Structure formats: structure tokens, C-alpha cells
Amino acid sequence: MSPGRPPNSALVTRWRHILDVAAAEFAEHGYGQANVARIARQAGVSKKTIYARCPSKDDLLIAVVDDLATRAHTATTIAMAECGHEPQVVLTQFGEQVARNWVAPEHLGFYRLIIAEVPRFPQLAAVYREVMDRFGTTLADYVRQQCALGTLSVPDPDAAARQFGMLVYGELRERALLGEVITEQQVSEVVQRAVRMFLVGYSA
């Protein structure tokens, strides 16, 4: 480590803080009115520090979206790994994690931002698709494992994973976008219904 240079852990923590501040800025002001100087000031760093990692505001927005997605995906995979292999339990954990993510204010804010900015900033569409693919691939891989074990019979695991995703978050996301506050009980009820439908359709 160079003299005077913060350790890697401190750099990671500082960058995470910058991304958190930037996420709040984008969510509150939208892309057009978000201000890198204000982000730097609120994060307690210089603009040079931000531009060293993200040369433009576009790059910073993509970094923020990727960070949110990575954290959400990591939490989901950990939850799935910790609950064993029983399909009903694993699907419930996956569904509840994904549904909670979609109705969380920060995720809703970025979904609105992506939809609003895609015509001007088509790179966001690619980022959004990549994010959705991460979750879809995780579930599809689990479904393939269960098919190999004989517990599920799914002709197209990728399509089934996409269908299950829409079952667990589609309705809730729409209601949240329209201003409804979604409760844990509502999340649980929707996910349980989706799991039952999935297992009825695909149990071996």
C-alpha cells in the first residue's frame, strides 16, 4: 500500500457511501436535475474522486443501478442458499426477496427513472435487462437442478423463471407505482399464491 493511501476496505466503504448518496440524488431529482457537485459535497469528497471512477453522470447512474442490483441479487442468493432445497421453501424465499425489492422506495424510484430516461439514454435499457437476467438465471438454474432431481418437471426453465418473477412482483410493483403502500402481509400472500400456482403447474 502506498504511503498515505487508504486501505482497500476504506476505499470500498467510501465508494459505497458515494453510491448511496448518488442513489438518493437520482431518486429525488431525476437524471436531468441530479448534480454531481451536490453529490460530491454531500458525500464529503471532491468531484475529482467521483470522476476518477465514473467519467460522466451517465456512468455514475449506471454504477448506482448496478450497485443496487448487485446488493439485491446477493441478498436473494444468500436467502435461497440458507433455506435448503425444498422447492416450496426456496421459491418462497426467492419470491419474497424479489417482491420486497420491487416495492422498496429506492427500487421503485429507479424503475421510474429508467422508464423516463430510456428514450434519451438507451444504455439504461441494457442495464435493466442485464439486472433482470441475473435474477432469472439464478432461479432458472435452481429449477434445472430440481428437474434433474425429479422434484420438478419444467420444459423451459428460463421461461418458467420469467413467469414466476412476474407472478411475484408484477401486481405488487404496479400497485406500488400507483402510490399504494405494500405491507409484508400483502407480499406474503402474493408470493404464496405464486408458489402454489408454480408447483401445481410444474411438480413432477
N, C-alpha and C. Protein backbone atom coordinates (compact mmCIF):
# COMPACT_ATOMS: atom_id res chain seq x y z
N MET A 1 0.84 -1.20 0.00
CA MET A 1 0.00 0.00 0.00
C MET A 1 0.88 1.24 0.00
N SER A 2 0.54 2.21 -0.85
CA SER A 2 1.33 3.43 -0.94
C SER A 2 1.17 4.25 0.33
N PRO A 3 2.24 4.99 0.75
CA PRO A 3 2.15 5.85 1.93
C PRO A 3 1.01 6.85 1.76
N GLY A 4 0.18 6.97 2.77
CA GLY A 4 -0.90 7.94 2.74
C GLY A 4 -2.13 7.48 2.00
N ARG A 5 -2.08 6.32 1.34
CA ARG A 5 -3.24 5.82 0.60
C ARG A 5 -4.12 5.00 1.53
N PRO A 6 -5.42 5.26 1.55
CA PRO A 6 -6.31 4.49 2.44
C PRO A 6 -6.29 3.01 2.07
N PRO A 7 -6.48 2.12 3.04
CA PRO A 7 -6.55 0.69 2.74
C PRO A 7 -7.74 0.40 1.83
N ASN A 8 -7.68 -0.75 1.15
CA ASN A 8 -8.74 -1.10 0.20
C ASN A 8 -10.12 -1.10 0.84
N SER A 9 -10.21 -1.60 2.07
CA SER A 9 -11.51 -1.66 2.74
C SER A 9 -12.10 -0.27 2.92
N ALA A 10 -11.23 0.71 3.23
CA ALA A 10 -11.70 2.08 3.39
C ALA A 10 -12.15 2.66 2.05
N LEU A 11 -11.44 2.32 0.99
CA LEU A 11 -11.82 2.80 -0.34
C LEU A 11 -13.17 2.22 -0.76
N VAL A 12 -13.37 0.95 -0.48
CA VAL A 12 -14.64 0.30 -0.81
C VAL A 12 -15.78 0.95 -0.03
N THR A 13 -15.54 1.18 1.26
CA THR A 13 -16.57 1.80 2.10
C THR A 13 -16.89 3.21 1.61
N ARG A 14 -15.86 3.96 1.24
CA ARG A 14 -16.08 5.33 0.76
C ARG A 14 -16.86 5.31 -0.55
N TRP A 15 -16.53 4.40 -1.46
CA TRP A 15 -17.23 4.34 -2.73
C TRP A 15 -18.68 3.92 -2.54
N ARG A 16 -18.91 2.99 -1.62
CA ARG A 16 -20.28 2.60 -1.33
C ARG A 16 -21.09 3.79 -0.80
N HIS A 17 -20.46 4.60 0.05
CA HIS A 17 -21.14 5.78 0.57
C HIS A 17 -21.46 6.76 -0.56
N ILE A 18 -20.51 6.95 -1.48
CA ILE A 18 -20.75 7.83 -2.62
C ILE A 18 -21.93 7.33 -3.45
N LEU A 19 -21.98 6.02 -3.68
CA LEU A 19 -23.09 5.46 -4.46
C LEU A 19 -24.41 5.62 -3.74
N ASP A 20 -24.41 5.48 -2.42
CA ASP A 20 -25.65 5.68 -1.65
C ASP A 20 -26.13 7.12 -1.78
N VAL A 21 -25.21 8.06 -1.67
CA VAL A 21 -25.58 9.48 -1.81
C VAL A 21 -26.08 9.75 -3.23
N ALA A 22 -25.39 9.19 -4.23
CA ALA A 22 -25.80 9.39 -5.62
C ALA A 22 -27.17 8.77 -5.88
N ALA A 23 -27.43 7.61 -5.29
CA ALA A 23 -28.74 6.97 -5.46
C ALA A 23 -29.85 7.87 -4.94
N ALA A 24 -29.63 8.46 -3.77
CA ALA A 24 -30.63 9.37 -3.21
C ALA A 24 -30.83 10.59 -4.09
N GLU A 25 -29.73 11.11 -4.64
CA GLU A 25 -29.79 12.28 -5.52
C GLU A 25 -30.59 11.97 -6.79
N PHE A 26 -30.29 10.87 -7.44
CA PHE A 26 -31.01 10.50 -8.67
C PHE A 26 -32.48 10.23 -8.38
N ALA A 27 -32.75 9.54 -7.27
CA ALA A 27 -34.13 9.21 -6.93
C ALA A 27 -34.95 10.47 -6.64
N GLU A 28 -34.33 11.45 -5.99
CA GLU A 28 -35.06 12.67 -5.61
C GLU A 28 -35.20 13.64 -6.77
N HIS A 29 -34.15 13.79 -7.57
CA HIS A 29 -34.13 14.85 -8.58
C HIS A 29 -34.28 14.35 -10.01
N GLY A 30 -34.20 13.03 -10.22
CA GLY A 30 -34.20 12.53 -11.59
C GLY A 30 -32.85 12.73 -12.22
N TYR A 31 -32.68 12.15 -13.40
CA TYR A 31 -31.36 12.23 -14.05
C TYR A 31 -31.02 13.67 -14.44
N GLY A 32 -31.97 14.36 -15.05
CA GLY A 32 -31.69 15.68 -15.59
C GLY A 32 -31.27 16.69 -14.54
N GLN A 33 -31.90 16.65 -13.38
CA GLN A 33 -31.60 17.63 -12.33
C GLN A 33 -30.58 17.15 -11.31
N ALA A 34 -30.19 15.90 -11.40
CA ALA A 34 -29.16 15.41 -10.48
C ALA A 34 -27.85 16.16 -10.74
N ASN A 35 -27.12 16.44 -9.67
CA ASN A 35 -25.95 17.30 -9.76
C ASN A 35 -24.75 16.61 -9.11
N VAL A 36 -23.71 16.37 -9.90
CA VAL A 36 -22.54 15.66 -9.39
C VAL A 36 -21.84 16.48 -8.31
N ALA A 37 -21.81 17.79 -8.47
CA ALA A 37 -21.18 18.63 -7.44
C ALA A 37 -21.91 18.48 -6.12
N ARG A 38 -23.24 18.43 -6.17
CA ARG A 38 -24.02 18.27 -4.93
C ARG A 38 -23.78 16.89 -4.33
N ILE A 39 -23.68 15.87 -5.18
CA ILE A 39 -23.39 14.52 -4.68
C ILE A 39 -22.04 14.51 -3.98
N ALA A 40 -21.04 15.12 -4.61
CA ALA A 40 -19.70 15.15 -4.01
C ALA A 40 -19.72 15.87 -2.67
N ARG A 41 -20.41 17.00 -2.63
CA ARG A 41 -20.46 17.78 -1.39
C ARG A 41 -21.14 16.99 -0.26
N GLN A 42 -22.26 16.35 -0.58
CA GLN A 42 -22.98 15.60 0.44
C GLN A 42 -22.24 14.34 0.87
N ALA A 43 -21.43 13.79 -0.05
CA ALA A 43 -20.65 12.59 0.28
C ALA A 43 -19.33 12.93 0.97
N GLY A 44 -18.98 14.22 0.99
CA GLY A 44 -17.74 14.64 1.63
C GLY A 44 -16.50 14.33 0.82
N VAL A 45 -16.64 14.33 -0.52
CA VAL A 45 -15.50 14.07 -1.39
C VAL A 45 -15.45 15.15 -2.47
N SER A 46 -14.41 15.09 -3.29
CA SER A 46 -14.31 16.03 -4.40
C SER A 46 -14.96 15.43 -5.65
N LYS A 47 -15.34 16.29 -6.59
CA LYS A 47 -15.84 15.79 -7.87
C LYS A 47 -14.78 14.95 -8.56
N LYS A 48 -13.53 15.29 -8.38
CA LYS A 48 -12.44 14.54 -8.99
C LYS A 48 -12.46 13.08 -8.54
N THR A 49 -12.79 12.86 -7.27
CA THR A 49 -12.87 11.49 -6.74
C THR A 49 -13.94 10.69 -7.47
N ILE A 50 -15.08 11.33 -7.71
CA ILE A 50 -16.17 10.65 -8.41
C ILE A 50 -15.81 10.41 -9.86
N TYR A 51 -15.28 11.43 -10.51
CA TYR A 51 -14.97 11.31 -11.94
C TYR A 51 -13.81 10.35 -12.20
N ALA A 52 -13.00 10.07 -11.18
CA ALA A 52 -11.94 9.09 -11.36
C ALA A 52 -12.51 7.69 -11.58
N ARG A 53 -13.69 7.45 -11.01
CA ARG A 53 -14.35 6.15 -11.18
C ARG A 53 -15.42 6.19 -12.27
N CYS A 54 -16.11 7.31 -12.36
CA CYS A 54 -17.21 7.47 -13.31
C CYS A 54 -16.99 8.78 -14.06
N PRO A 55 -16.47 8.73 -15.28
CA PRO A 55 -16.11 9.95 -16.00
C PRO A 55 -17.28 10.86 -16.36
N SER A 56 -18.50 10.35 -16.30
CA SER A 56 -19.66 11.18 -16.65
C SER A 56 -20.82 10.86 -15.71
N LYS A 57 -21.84 11.72 -15.74
CA LYS A 57 -23.03 11.46 -14.95
C LYS A 57 -23.73 10.20 -15.43
N ASP A 58 -23.68 9.93 -16.73
CA ASP A 58 -24.24 8.69 -17.27
C ASP A 58 -23.59 7.49 -16.61
N ASP A 59 -22.25 7.51 -16.54
CA ASP A 59 -21.52 6.39 -15.93
C ASP A 59 -21.87 6.24 -14.46
N LEU A 60 -22.07 7.36 -13.77
CA LEU A 60 -22.40 7.31 -12.35
C LEU A 60 -23.79 6.69 -12.16
N LEU A 61 -24.74 7.05 -13.00
CA LEU A 61 -26.08 6.48 -12.90
C LEU A 61 -26.03 4.96 -13.11
N ILE A 62 -25.29 4.52 -14.13
CA ILE A 62 -25.18 3.09 -14.39
C ILE A 62 -24.53 2.38 -13.20
N ALA A 63 -23.51 3.00 -12.60
CA ALA A 63 -22.85 2.41 -11.44
C ALA A 63 -23.82 2.28 -10.26
N VAL A 64 -24.67 3.27 -10.07
CA VAL A 64 -25.64 3.23 -8.98
C VAL A 64 -26.66 2.11 -9.21
N VAL A 65 -27.18 2.01 -10.42
CA VAL A 65 -28.16 0.97 -10.72
C VAL A 65 -27.52 -0.41 -10.56
N ASP A 66 -26.30 -0.56 -11.05
CA ASP A 66 -25.62 -1.85 -10.92
C ASP A 66 -25.37 -2.20 -9.46
N ASP A 67 -25.03 -1.22 -8.65
CA ASP A 67 -24.79 -1.48 -7.23
C ASP A 67 -26.07 -1.91 -6.54
N LEU A 68 -27.18 -1.23 -6.80
CA LEU A 68 -28.45 -1.63 -6.21
C LEU A 68 -28.81 -3.06 -6.61
N ALA A 69 -28.63 -3.36 -7.89
CA ALA A 69 -28.98 -4.69 -8.38
C ALA A 69 -28.08 -5.76 -7.77
N THR A 70 -26.79 -5.46 -7.67
CA THR A 70 -25.85 -6.44 -7.12
C THR A 70 -26.17 -6.75 -5.67
N ARG A 71 -26.48 -5.73 -4.89
CA ARG A 71 -26.81 -5.95 -3.49
C ARG A 71 -28.11 -6.75 -3.35
N ALA A 72 -29.09 -6.42 -4.17
CA ALA A 72 -30.37 -7.14 -4.12
C ALA A 72 -30.18 -8.60 -4.54
N HIS A 73 -29.39 -8.82 -5.59
CA HIS A 73 -29.17 -10.18 -6.07
C HIS A 73 -28.39 -11.00 -5.05
N THR A 74 -27.39 -10.39 -4.42
CA THR A 74 -26.61 -11.10 -3.40
C THR A 74 -27.50 -11.51 -2.23
N ALA A 75 -28.35 -10.61 -1.77
CA ALA A 75 -29.26 -10.93 -0.67
C ALA A 75 -30.20 -12.08 -1.05
N THR A 76 -30.65 -12.09 -2.30
CA THR A 76 -31.56 -13.14 -2.75
C THR A 76 -30.87 -14.49 -2.81
N THR A 77 -29.67 -14.55 -3.37
CA THR A 77 -28.96 -15.82 -3.47
C THR A 77 -28.58 -16.36 -2.09
N ILE A 78 -28.24 -15.48 -1.16
CA ILE A 78 -27.93 -15.92 0.20
C ILE A 78 -29.17 -16.51 0.85
N ALA A 79 -30.31 -15.82 0.70
CA ALA A 79 -31.56 -16.31 1.29
C ALA A 79 -31.92 -17.68 0.73
N MET A 80 -31.73 -17.86 -0.58
CA MET A 80 -32.04 -19.16 -1.19
C MET A 80 -31.11 -20.24 -0.66
N ALA A 81 -29.83 -19.93 -0.51
CA ALA A 81 -28.85 -20.93 -0.08
C ALA A 81 -29.07 -21.35 1.37
N GLU A 82 -29.61 -20.44 2.17
CA GLU A 82 -29.76 -20.72 3.60
C GLU A 82 -31.01 -21.51 3.94
N CYS A 83 -31.90 -21.72 2.98
CA CYS A 83 -33.18 -22.35 3.32
C CYS A 83 -33.31 -23.78 2.81
N GLY A 84 -32.19 -24.39 2.39
CA GLY A 84 -32.25 -25.79 1.97
C GLY A 84 -32.61 -25.94 0.51
N HIS A 85 -33.24 -27.05 0.16
CA HIS A 85 -33.50 -27.36 -1.25
C HIS A 85 -34.97 -27.59 -1.57
N GLU A 86 -35.83 -27.62 -0.56
CA GLU A 86 -37.26 -27.87 -0.79
C GLU A 86 -37.84 -26.78 -1.68
N PRO A 87 -38.41 -27.14 -2.84
CA PRO A 87 -38.89 -26.11 -3.78
C PRO A 87 -39.85 -25.10 -3.18
N GLN A 88 -40.79 -25.53 -2.36
CA GLN A 88 -41.74 -24.57 -1.81
C GLN A 88 -41.03 -23.51 -0.96
N VAL A 89 -40.05 -23.94 -0.18
CA VAL A 89 -39.33 -23.01 0.69
C VAL A 89 -38.42 -22.10 -0.12
N VAL A 90 -37.69 -22.67 -1.06
CA VAL A 90 -36.75 -21.88 -1.87
C VAL A 90 -37.50 -20.87 -2.74
N LEU A 91 -38.56 -21.32 -3.37
CA LEU A 91 -39.35 -20.41 -4.21
C LEU A 91 -39.95 -19.28 -3.38
N THR A 92 -40.37 -19.61 -2.17
CA THR A 92 -40.94 -18.58 -1.29
C THR A 92 -39.88 -17.55 -0.92
N GLN A 93 -38.68 -18.03 -0.56
CA GLN A 93 -37.60 -17.10 -0.22
C GLN A 93 -37.25 -16.21 -1.40
N PHE A 94 -37.09 -16.83 -2.57
CA PHE A 94 -36.78 -16.05 -3.77
C PHE A 94 -37.87 -15.03 -4.04
N GLY A 95 -39.12 -15.48 -4.02
CA GLY A 95 -40.24 -14.59 -4.33
C GLY A 95 -40.36 -13.43 -3.37
N GLU A 96 -40.20 -13.69 -2.08
CA GLU A 96 -40.34 -12.61 -1.09
C GLU A 96 -39.20 -11.61 -1.23
N GLN A 97 -37.99 -12.08 -1.47
CA GLN A 97 -36.86 -11.16 -1.65
C GLN A 97 -37.09 -10.27 -2.87
N VAL A 98 -37.49 -10.87 -3.98
CA VAL A 98 -37.69 -10.10 -5.20
C VAL A 98 -38.85 -9.12 -5.04
N ALA A 99 -39.94 -9.58 -4.46
CA ALA A 99 -41.10 -8.70 -4.28
C ALA A 99 -40.76 -7.53 -3.37
N ARG A 100 -40.04 -7.78 -2.28
CA ARG A 100 -39.65 -6.69 -1.38
C ARG A 100 -38.77 -5.68 -2.11
N ASN A 101 -37.86 -6.18 -2.92
CA ASN A 101 -37.00 -5.26 -3.68
C ASN A 101 -37.84 -4.33 -4.55
N TRP A 102 -38.80 -4.91 -5.26
CA TRP A 102 -39.56 -4.12 -6.23
C TRP A 102 -40.46 -3.08 -5.59
N VAL A 103 -40.89 -3.31 -4.35
CA VAL A 103 -41.78 -2.31 -3.73
C VAL A 103 -41.02 -1.38 -2.80
N ALA A 104 -39.70 -1.59 -2.65
CA ALA A 104 -38.90 -0.67 -1.84
C ALA A 104 -38.81 0.69 -2.54
N PRO A 105 -38.90 1.78 -1.81
CA PRO A 105 -38.92 3.11 -2.44
C PRO A 105 -37.74 3.38 -3.36
N GLU A 106 -36.52 2.96 -2.96
CA GLU A 106 -35.36 3.26 -3.80
C GLU A 106 -35.42 2.51 -5.13
N HIS A 107 -35.92 1.27 -5.10
CA HIS A 107 -36.01 0.50 -6.34
C HIS A 107 -37.14 1.03 -7.23
N LEU A 108 -38.25 1.38 -6.62
CA LEU A 108 -39.34 1.99 -7.39
C LEU A 108 -38.88 3.29 -8.04
N GLY A 109 -38.13 4.09 -7.28
CA GLY A 109 -37.65 5.36 -7.82
C GLY A 109 -36.78 5.15 -9.04
N PHE A 110 -35.92 4.15 -8.98
CA PHE A 110 -35.04 3.90 -10.13
C PHE A 110 -35.79 3.26 -11.29
N TYR A 111 -36.82 2.50 -11.01
CA TYR A 111 -37.62 1.95 -12.11
C TYR A 111 -38.31 3.10 -12.85
N ARG A 112 -38.87 4.04 -12.11
CA ARG A 112 -39.49 5.21 -12.74
C ARG A 112 -38.46 5.98 -13.56
N LEU A 113 -37.27 6.15 -12.98
CA LEU A 113 -36.23 6.90 -13.68
C LEU A 113 -35.82 6.20 -14.97
N ILE A 114 -35.65 4.89 -14.92
CA ILE A 114 -35.25 4.14 -16.11
C ILE A 114 -36.30 4.28 -17.20
N ILE A 115 -37.56 4.11 -16.85
CA ILE A 115 -38.64 4.23 -17.84
C ILE A 115 -38.66 5.62 -18.45
N ALA A 116 -38.45 6.64 -17.61
CA ALA A 116 -38.50 8.01 -18.11
C ALA A 116 -37.31 8.35 -19.00
N GLU A 117 -36.15 7.78 -18.69
CA GLU A 117 -34.92 8.19 -19.37
C GLU A 117 -34.50 7.29 -20.52
N VAL A 118 -35.11 6.12 -20.67
CA VAL A 118 -34.69 5.19 -21.72
C VAL A 118 -34.70 5.81 -23.12
N PRO A 119 -35.73 6.60 -23.49
CA PRO A 119 -35.69 7.18 -24.84
C PRO A 119 -34.44 8.04 -25.09
N ARG A 120 -33.97 8.75 -24.06
CA ARG A 120 -32.80 9.61 -24.20
C ARG A 120 -31.51 8.87 -23.92
N PHE A 121 -31.61 7.81 -23.12
CA PHE A 121 -30.44 7.14 -22.58
C PHE A 121 -30.64 5.63 -22.74
N PRO A 122 -30.56 5.11 -23.97
CA PRO A 122 -30.90 3.70 -24.22
C PRO A 122 -29.99 2.71 -23.50
N GLN A 123 -28.83 3.15 -23.03
CA GLN A 123 -27.97 2.24 -22.28
C GLN A 123 -28.68 1.70 -21.04
N LEU A 124 -29.62 2.49 -20.50
CA LEU A 124 -30.34 2.06 -19.31
C LEU A 124 -31.17 0.81 -19.59
N ALA A 125 -31.69 0.70 -20.82
CA ALA A 125 -32.47 -0.49 -21.16
C ALA A 125 -31.60 -1.74 -21.08
N ALA A 126 -30.37 -1.63 -21.56
CA ALA A 126 -29.45 -2.76 -21.49
C ALA A 126 -29.12 -3.10 -20.04
N VAL A 127 -28.92 -2.07 -19.21
CA VAL A 127 -28.64 -2.31 -17.79
C VAL A 127 -29.82 -3.00 -17.13
N TYR A 128 -31.02 -2.53 -17.43
CA TYR A 128 -32.23 -3.12 -16.84
C TYR A 128 -32.36 -4.58 -17.25
N ARG A 129 -32.16 -4.88 -18.54
CA ARG A 129 -32.26 -6.26 -18.99
C ARG A 129 -31.22 -7.14 -18.32
N GLU A 130 -30.00 -6.62 -18.15
CA GLU A 130 -28.95 -7.40 -17.51
C GLU A 130 -29.30 -7.70 -16.06
N VAL A 131 -29.88 -6.71 -15.38
CA VAL A 131 -30.30 -6.91 -14.00
C VAL A 131 -31.36 -8.01 -13.91
N MET A 132 -32.36 -7.93 -14.78
CA MET A 132 -33.43 -8.92 -14.75
C MET A 132 -32.90 -10.30 -15.10
N ASP A 133 -31.93 -10.35 -16.01
CA ASP A 133 -31.35 -11.64 -16.39
C ASP A 133 -30.61 -12.29 -15.22
N ARG A 134 -29.98 -11.48 -14.37
CA ARG A 134 -29.28 -12.06 -13.21
C ARG A 134 -30.25 -12.86 -12.35
N PHE A 135 -31.39 -12.26 -12.04
CA PHE A 135 -32.37 -12.93 -11.19
C PHE A 135 -32.99 -14.12 -11.92
N GLY A 136 -33.31 -13.94 -13.19
CA GLY A 136 -33.91 -15.02 -13.96
C GLY A 136 -32.99 -16.23 -14.06
N THR A 137 -31.70 -15.98 -14.29
CA THR A 137 -30.74 -17.07 -14.41
C THR A 137 -30.59 -17.81 -13.09
N THR A 138 -30.57 -17.08 -11.98
CA THR A 138 -30.45 -17.71 -10.67
C THR A 138 -31.61 -18.67 -10.42
N LEU A 139 -32.83 -18.24 -10.71
CA LEU A 139 -33.99 -19.11 -10.49
C LEU A 139 -34.01 -20.25 -11.51
N ALA A 140 -33.71 -19.96 -12.76
CA ALA A 140 -33.73 -20.99 -13.79
C ALA A 140 -32.71 -22.09 -13.47
N ASP A 141 -31.54 -21.71 -12.97
CA ASP A 141 -30.53 -22.71 -12.61
C ASP A 141 -31.05 -23.61 -11.48
N TYR A 142 -31.72 -23.01 -10.50
CA TYR A 142 -32.30 -23.81 -9.41
C TYR A 142 -33.36 -24.76 -9.96
N VAL A 143 -34.20 -24.27 -10.85
CA VAL A 143 -35.25 -25.11 -11.44
C VAL A 143 -34.63 -26.29 -12.19
N ARG A 144 -33.56 -26.04 -12.93
CA ARG A 144 -32.88 -27.13 -13.64
C ARG A 144 -32.36 -28.18 -12.67
N GLN A 145 -31.80 -27.73 -11.55
CA GLN A 145 -31.31 -28.67 -10.54
C GLN A 145 -32.45 -29.54 -10.02
N GLN A 146 -33.60 -28.93 -9.77
CA GLN A 146 -34.74 -29.68 -9.25
C GLN A 146 -35.31 -30.63 -10.31
N CYS A 147 -35.25 -30.23 -11.56
CA CYS A 147 -35.67 -31.15 -12.63
C CYS A 147 -34.75 -32.36 -12.67
N ALA A 148 -33.46 -32.15 -12.52
CA ALA A 148 -32.51 -33.26 -12.52
C ALA A 148 -32.74 -34.20 -11.34
N LEU A 149 -33.23 -33.65 -10.22
CA LEU A 149 -33.53 -34.46 -9.04
C LEU A 149 -34.89 -35.13 -9.12
N GLY A 150 -35.70 -34.71 -10.10
CA GLY A 150 -37.01 -35.32 -10.27
C GLY A 150 -38.13 -34.71 -9.45
N THR A 151 -37.85 -33.57 -8.80
CA THR A 151 -38.90 -32.93 -8.00
C THR A 151 -39.77 -31.99 -8.82
N LEU A 152 -39.22 -31.47 -9.92
CA LEU A 152 -39.98 -30.60 -10.82
C LEU A 152 -39.87 -31.14 -12.24
N SER A 153 -40.85 -30.78 -13.05
CA SER A 153 -40.83 -31.12 -14.48
C SER A 153 -41.15 -29.85 -15.26
N VAL A 154 -40.11 -29.20 -15.76
CA VAL A 154 -40.26 -27.88 -16.39
C VAL A 154 -39.63 -27.93 -17.78
N PRO A 155 -40.43 -27.88 -18.83
CA PRO A 155 -39.86 -27.96 -20.19
C PRO A 155 -38.91 -26.82 -20.52
N ASP A 156 -39.21 -25.61 -20.05
CA ASP A 156 -38.39 -24.44 -20.36
C ASP A 156 -38.12 -23.66 -19.07
N PRO A 157 -37.03 -24.00 -18.35
CA PRO A 157 -36.75 -23.34 -17.07
C PRO A 157 -36.59 -21.82 -17.17
N ASP A 158 -36.03 -21.34 -18.27
CA ASP A 158 -35.85 -19.89 -18.41
C ASP A 158 -37.19 -19.18 -18.50
N ALA A 159 -38.11 -19.71 -19.31
CA ALA A 159 -39.44 -19.12 -19.43
C ALA A 159 -40.19 -19.24 -18.11
N ALA A 160 -40.06 -20.38 -17.45
CA ALA A 160 -40.75 -20.58 -16.17
C ALA A 160 -40.25 -19.59 -15.12
N ALA A 161 -38.94 -19.32 -15.11
CA ALA A 161 -38.38 -18.36 -14.16
C ALA A 161 -38.94 -16.96 -14.42
N ARG A 162 -39.04 -16.57 -15.68
CA ARG A 162 -39.61 -15.25 -16.00
C ARG A 162 -41.07 -15.17 -15.58
N GLN A 163 -41.82 -16.25 -15.82
CA GLN A 163 -43.22 -16.27 -15.44
C GLN A 163 -43.38 -16.14 -13.92
N PHE A 164 -42.55 -16.89 -13.18
CA PHE A 164 -42.64 -16.83 -11.73
C PHE A 164 -42.31 -15.43 -11.23
N GLY A 165 -41.30 -14.81 -11.83
CA GLY A 165 -40.96 -13.45 -11.43
C GLY A 165 -42.12 -12.49 -11.58
N MET A 166 -42.80 -12.56 -12.71
CA MET A 166 -43.94 -11.67 -12.92
C MET A 166 -45.06 -11.96 -11.95
N LEU A 167 -45.24 -13.23 -11.60
CA LEU A 167 -46.28 -13.58 -10.63
C LEU A 167 -46.00 -12.95 -9.27
N VAL A 168 -44.73 -12.91 -8.85
CA VAL A 168 -44.44 -12.44 -7.50
C VAL A 168 -44.31 -10.93 -7.41
N TYR A 169 -43.91 -10.26 -8.51
CA TYR A 169 -43.73 -8.81 -8.35
C TYR A 169 -44.58 -7.95 -9.29
N GLY A 170 -45.15 -8.54 -10.35
CA GLY A 170 -45.86 -7.72 -11.32
C GLY A 170 -46.99 -6.91 -10.73
N GLU A 171 -47.90 -7.59 -10.03
CA GLU A 171 -49.04 -6.89 -9.43
C GLU A 171 -48.60 -5.93 -8.35
N LEU A 172 -47.69 -6.38 -7.49
CA LEU A 172 -47.26 -5.53 -6.37
C LEU A 172 -46.53 -4.29 -6.87
N ARG A 173 -45.68 -4.46 -7.88
CA ARG A 173 -44.96 -3.30 -8.42
C ARG A 173 -45.94 -2.28 -9.00
N GLU A 174 -46.94 -2.75 -9.73
CA GLU A 174 -47.90 -1.82 -10.32
C GLU A 174 -48.66 -1.06 -9.24
N ARG A 175 -49.08 -1.77 -8.20
CA ARG A 175 -49.81 -1.10 -7.11
C ARG A 175 -48.92 -0.09 -6.39
N ALA A 176 -47.65 -0.46 -6.18
CA ALA A 176 -46.73 0.46 -5.51
C ALA A 176 -46.45 1.68 -6.38
N LEU A 177 -46.32 1.48 -7.68
CA LEU A 177 -46.09 2.61 -8.59
C LEU A 177 -47.25 3.59 -8.57
N LEU A 178 -48.45 3.08 -8.30
CA LEU A 178 -49.63 3.93 -8.24
C LEU A 178 -49.86 4.52 -6.86
N GLY A 179 -48.90 4.34 -5.96
CA GLY A 179 -48.95 5.02 -4.67
C GLY A 179 -49.37 4.19 -3.49
N GLU A 180 -49.72 2.94 -3.70
CA GLU A 180 -50.15 2.11 -2.58
C GLU A 180 -48.94 1.68 -1.77
N VAL A 181 -49.08 1.70 -0.45
CA VAL A 181 -48.04 1.20 0.44
C VAL A 181 -48.26 -0.30 0.62
N ILE A 182 -47.29 -1.09 0.18
CA ILE A 182 -47.43 -2.54 0.21
C ILE A 182 -46.92 -3.08 1.55
N THR A 183 -47.74 -3.90 2.20
CA THR A 183 -47.37 -4.45 3.51
C THR A 183 -46.69 -5.81 3.35
N GLU A 184 -46.03 -6.24 4.42
CA GLU A 184 -45.41 -7.56 4.42
C GLU A 184 -46.46 -8.65 4.22
N GLN A 185 -47.64 -8.46 4.80
CA GLN A 185 -48.70 -9.46 4.63
C GLN A 185 -49.11 -9.58 3.16
N GLN A 186 -49.20 -8.45 2.47
CA GLN A 186 -49.55 -8.49 1.06
C GLN A 186 -48.47 -9.18 0.24
N VAL A 187 -47.21 -8.90 0.56
CA VAL A 187 -46.11 -9.58 -0.12
C VAL A 187 -46.22 -11.09 0.09
N SER A 188 -46.42 -11.49 1.34
CA SER A 188 -46.51 -12.91 1.66
C SER A 188 -47.67 -13.58 0.93
N GLU A 189 -48.83 -12.93 0.89
CA GLU A 189 -50.00 -13.52 0.25
C GLU A 189 -49.77 -13.70 -1.25
N VAL A 190 -49.22 -12.69 -1.90
CA VAL A 190 -48.98 -12.77 -3.34
C VAL A 190 -47.95 -13.86 -3.66
N VAL A 191 -46.88 -13.91 -2.87
CA VAL A 191 -45.83 -14.89 -3.12
C VAL A 191 -46.34 -16.30 -2.88
N GLN A 192 -47.08 -16.51 -1.81
CA GLN A 192 -47.62 -17.84 -1.54
C GLN A 192 -48.52 -18.31 -2.67
N ARG A 193 -49.34 -17.40 -3.19
CA ARG A 193 -50.22 -17.75 -4.31
C ARG A 193 -49.39 -18.11 -5.55
N ALA A 194 -48.33 -17.35 -5.80
CA ALA A 194 -47.47 -17.63 -6.96
C ALA A 194 -46.77 -18.98 -6.81
N VAL A 195 -46.30 -19.29 -5.62
CA VAL A 195 -45.62 -20.56 -5.38
C VAL A 195 -46.59 -21.72 -5.62
N ARG A 196 -47.80 -21.60 -5.10
CA ARG A 196 -48.79 -22.67 -5.30
C ARG A 196 -49.06 -22.89 -6.79
N MET A 197 -49.25 -21.81 -7.51
CA MET A 197 -49.51 -21.91 -8.95
C MET A 197 -48.32 -22.57 -9.67
N PHE A 198 -47.12 -22.17 -9.31
CA PHE A 198 -45.92 -22.71 -9.96
C PHE A 198 -45.79 -24.20 -9.70
N LEU A 199 -45.99 -24.61 -8.45
CA LEU A 199 -45.81 -26.02 -8.10
C LEU A 199 -46.93 -26.89 -8.68
N VAL A 200 -48.13 -26.36 -8.73
CA VAL A 200 -49.21 -27.11 -9.37
C VAL A 200 -48.91 -27.35 -10.84
N GLY A 201 -48.36 -26.34 -11.48
CA GLY A 201 -48.07 -26.45 -12.91
C GLY A 201 -46.84 -27.28 -13.24
N TYR A 202 -45.85 -27.32 -12.30
CA TYR A 202 -44.57 -27.90 -12.66
C TYR A 202 -44.09 -29.02 -11.74
N SER A 203 -44.86 -29.43 -10.77
CA SER A 203 -44.43 -30.56 -9.92
C SER A 203 -44.34 -31.82 -10.76
N ALA A 204 -43.31 -32.62 -10.47
CA ALA A 204 -43.11 -33.87 -11.25
C ALA A 204 -44.15 -34.91 -10.85
